[in-house]
Amino acid sequence: MAGRVGHSGRVVGIDISEKMISLARDAAAAYDLPVSFRVGDLRNMDIPDASFDAVRIERTLQILDTPAQVMDESWSGCSGRPAASWQSSRTGTRS
């Protein structure tokens, strides 16, 4: 996604795991793109409404007890007529 917005946009990666954020930062360090990462809970992202033009959630909704809450929170972070993408995979099991 960061490659698509280039230097005219920005991408914010959010994960509840500090370890995953650290891995993402390390992976992104080789690229000169406007991307930042932060630890956060998708159910309460603490991001002002209408902050983004698009949202992408990948391999997350299927493991949450409240996926609709995350989707609602995502929409509130978008401005105008946002683009949104949610991708889930059922390859794992949920306990």
C-alpha atoms as a PDB file:
ATOM      1  CA  MET A   1       0.000   0.000   0.000  1.00  0.00           C
ATOM      2  CA  ALA A   2       2.838   2.413   0.815  1.00  0.00           C
ATOM      3  CA  GLY A   3       4.215   1.912  -2.683  1.00  0.00           C
ATOM      4  CA  ARG A   4       0.876   2.927  -4.178  1.00  0.00           C
ATOM      5  CA  VAL A   5       0.547   6.202  -2.293  1.00  0.00           C
ATOM      6  CA  GLY A   6       4.207   7.075  -2.875  1.00  0.00           C
ATOM      7  CA  HIS A   7       5.614  10.243  -1.362  1.00  0.00           C
ATOM      8  CA  SER A   8       2.374  12.182  -1.802  1.00  0.00           C
ATOM      9  CA  GLY A   9       0.498  10.113   0.786  1.00  0.00           C
ATOM     10  CA  ARG A  10       1.105   8.234   3.981  1.00  0.00           C
ATOM     11  CA  VAL A  11       0.402   4.821   5.392  1.00  0.00           C
ATOM     12  CA  VAL A  12      -0.098   3.959   9.055  1.00  0.00           C
ATOM     13  CA  GLY A  13       0.267   0.353  10.163  1.00  0.00           C
ATOM     14  CA  ILE A  14      -1.488  -0.609  13.392  1.00  0.00           C
ATOM     15  CA  ASP A  15      -1.134  -3.848  15.334  1.00  0.00           C
ATOM     16  CA  ILE A  16      -1.881  -4.792  18.920  1.00  0.00           C
ATOM     17  CA  SER A  17       1.453  -6.632  19.141  1.00  0.00           C
ATOM     18  CA  GLU A  18       4.635  -4.670  19.843  1.00  0.00           C
ATOM     19  CA  LYS A  19       6.601  -7.555  18.309  1.00  0.00           C
ATOM     20  CA  MET A  20       4.669  -7.334  15.025  1.00  0.00           C
ATOM     21  CA  ILE A  21       5.136  -3.557  14.911  1.00  0.00           C
ATOM     22  CA  SER A  22       8.865  -4.032  15.452  1.00  0.00           C
ATOM     23  CA  LEU A  23       9.033  -6.575  12.617  1.00  0.00           C
ATOM     24  CA  ALA A  24       7.077  -4.246  10.325  1.00  0.00           C
ATOM     25  CA  ARG A  25       9.385  -1.337  11.112  1.00  0.00           C
ATOM     26  CA  ASP A  26      12.412  -3.487  10.371  1.00  0.00           C
ATOM     27  CA  ALA A  27      10.927  -4.692   7.069  1.00  0.00           C
ATOM     28  CA  ALA A  28      10.001  -1.148   5.990  1.00  0.00           C
ATOM     29  CA  ALA A  29      13.354   0.380   6.911  1.00  0.00           C
ATOM     30  CA  ALA A  30      14.845  -0.497   3.516  1.00  0.00           C
ATOM     31  CA  TYR A  31      12.273   1.639   1.689  1.00  0.00           C
ATOM     32  CA  ASP A  32      12.025   5.394   1.534  1.00  0.00           C
ATOM     33  CA  LEU A  33       8.251   5.616   1.874  1.00  0.00           C
ATOM     34  CA  PRO A  34       5.938   7.639   4.108  1.00  0.00           C
ATOM     35  CA  VAL A  35       4.922   4.789   6.401  1.00  0.00           C
ATOM     36  CA  SER A  36       4.661   4.692  10.159  1.00  0.00           C
ATOM     37  CA  PHE A  37       3.697   1.987  12.609  1.00  0.00           C
ATOM     38  CA  ARG A  38       2.027   2.085  15.986  1.00  0.00           C
ATOM     39  CA  VAL A  39       0.776  -0.318  18.589  1.00  0.00           C
ATOM     40  CA  GLY A  40      -2.967  -0.005  18.875  1.00  0.00           C
ATOM     41  CA  ASP A  41      -6.288  -1.771  19.219  1.00  0.00           C
ATOM     42  CA  LEU A  42      -8.421  -1.722  16.061  1.00  0.00           C
ATOM     43  CA  ARG A  43     -11.550  -1.566  18.206  1.00  0.00           C
ATOM     44  CA  ASN A  44     -10.463   1.838  19.480  1.00  0.00           C
ATOM     45  CA  MET A  45      -7.809   3.285  17.186  1.00  0.00           C
ATOM     46  CA  ASP A  46      -7.581   6.735  18.751  1.00  0.00           C
ATOM     47  CA  ILE A  47      -7.372   8.323  15.287  1.00  0.00           C
ATOM     48  CA  PRO A  48      -9.434  11.394  14.412  1.00  0.00           C
ATOM     49  CA  ASP A  49     -12.442  10.799  12.164  1.00  0.00           C
ATOM     50  CA  ALA A  50     -11.855  11.285   8.428  1.00  0.00           C
ATOM     51  CA  SER A  51      -8.079  10.831   8.750  1.00  0.00           C
ATOM     52  CA  PHE A  52      -7.690   8.397   5.848  1.00  0.00           C
ATOM     53  CA  ASP A  53      -8.912   7.853   2.296  1.00  0.00           C
ATOM     54  CA  ALA A  54      -8.675   4.073   2.520  1.00  0.00           C
ATOM     55  CA  VAL A  55      -8.476   1.261   5.059  1.00  0.00           C
ATOM     56  CA  ARG A  56      -7.131  -2.237   4.637  1.00  0.00           C
ATOM     57  CA  ILE A  57      -7.566  -4.919   7.276  1.00  0.00           C
ATOM     58  CA  GLU A  58      -5.928  -8.247   6.563  1.00  0.00           C
ATOM     59  CA  ARG A  59      -6.178 -11.570   8.414  1.00  0.00           C
ATOM     60  CA  THR A  60      -7.705 -10.009  11.498  1.00  0.00           C
ATOM     61  CA  LEU A  61     -11.504 -10.032  11.487  1.00  0.00           C
ATOM     62  CA  GLN A  62     -11.831 -13.814  11.757  1.00  0.00           C
ATOM     63  CA  ILE A  63     -10.026 -13.884  15.128  1.00  0.00           C
ATOM     64  CA  LEU A  64     -12.014 -11.095  16.782  1.00  0.00           C
ATOM     65  CA  ASP A  65     -15.097 -11.415  18.944  1.00  0.00           C
ATOM     66  CA  THR A  66     -16.331  -8.051  17.628  1.00  0.00           C
ATOM     67  CA  PRO A  67     -15.413  -7.764  13.920  1.00  0.00           C
ATOM     68  CA  ALA A  68     -18.304  -5.359  13.245  1.00  0.00           C
ATOM     69  CA  GLN A  69     -16.901  -2.965  15.849  1.00  0.00           C
ATOM     70  CA  VAL A  70     -13.543  -2.953  14.027  1.00  0.00           C
ATOM     71  CA  MET A  71     -15.257  -2.325  10.701  1.00  0.00           C
ATOM     72  CA  ASP A  72     -17.262   0.561  12.184  1.00  0.00           C
ATOM     73  CA  GLU A  73     -14.108   2.054  13.697  1.00  0.00           C
ATOM     74  CA  SER A  74     -12.371   1.728  10.340  1.00  0.00           C
ATOM     75  CA  TRP A  75     -15.152   3.545   8.494  1.00  0.00           C
ATOM     76  CA  SER A  76     -15.100   6.408  10.995  1.00  0.00           C
ATOM     77  CA  GLY A  77     -11.409   6.911  10.263  1.00  0.00           C
ATOM     78  CA  CYS A  78     -12.143   7.379   6.552  1.00  0.00           C
ATOM     79  CA  SER A  79     -13.088  10.573   4.774  1.00  0.00           C
ATOM     80  CA  GLY A  80     -15.552  11.197   1.959  1.00  0.00           C
ATOM     81  CA  ARG A  81     -16.218   8.056  -0.076  1.00  0.00           C
ATOM     82  CA  PRO A  82     -13.519   5.779   1.295  1.00  0.00           C
ATOM     83  CA  ALA A  83     -12.132   2.643  -0.186  1.00  0.00           C
ATOM     84  CA  ALA A  84     -12.019  -0.273   2.206  1.00  0.00           C
ATOM     85  CA  SER A  85     -10.622  -3.764   1.997  1.00  0.00           C
ATOM     86  CA  TRP A  86     -11.108  -6.546   4.499  1.00  0.00           C
ATOM     87  CA  GLN A  87      -9.404  -9.874   3.917  1.00  0.00           C
ATOM     88  CA  SER A  88      -9.894 -12.905   6.098  1.00  0.00           C
ATOM     89  CA  SER A  89      -8.512 -16.380   5.920  1.00  0.00           C
ATOM     90  CA  ARG A  90     -10.109 -19.401   7.538  1.00  0.00           C
ATOM     91  CA  THR A  91      -6.965 -21.530   7.467  1.00  0.00           C
ATOM     92  CA  GLY A  92      -6.403 -21.371  11.221  1.00  0.00           C
ATOM     93  CA  THR A  93      -8.595 -22.416  14.094  1.00  0.00           C
ATOM     94  CA  ARG A  94     -10.016 -20.123  16.706  1.00  0.00           C
ATOM     95  CA  SER A  95     -10.239 -21.139  20.340  1.00  0.00           C
END
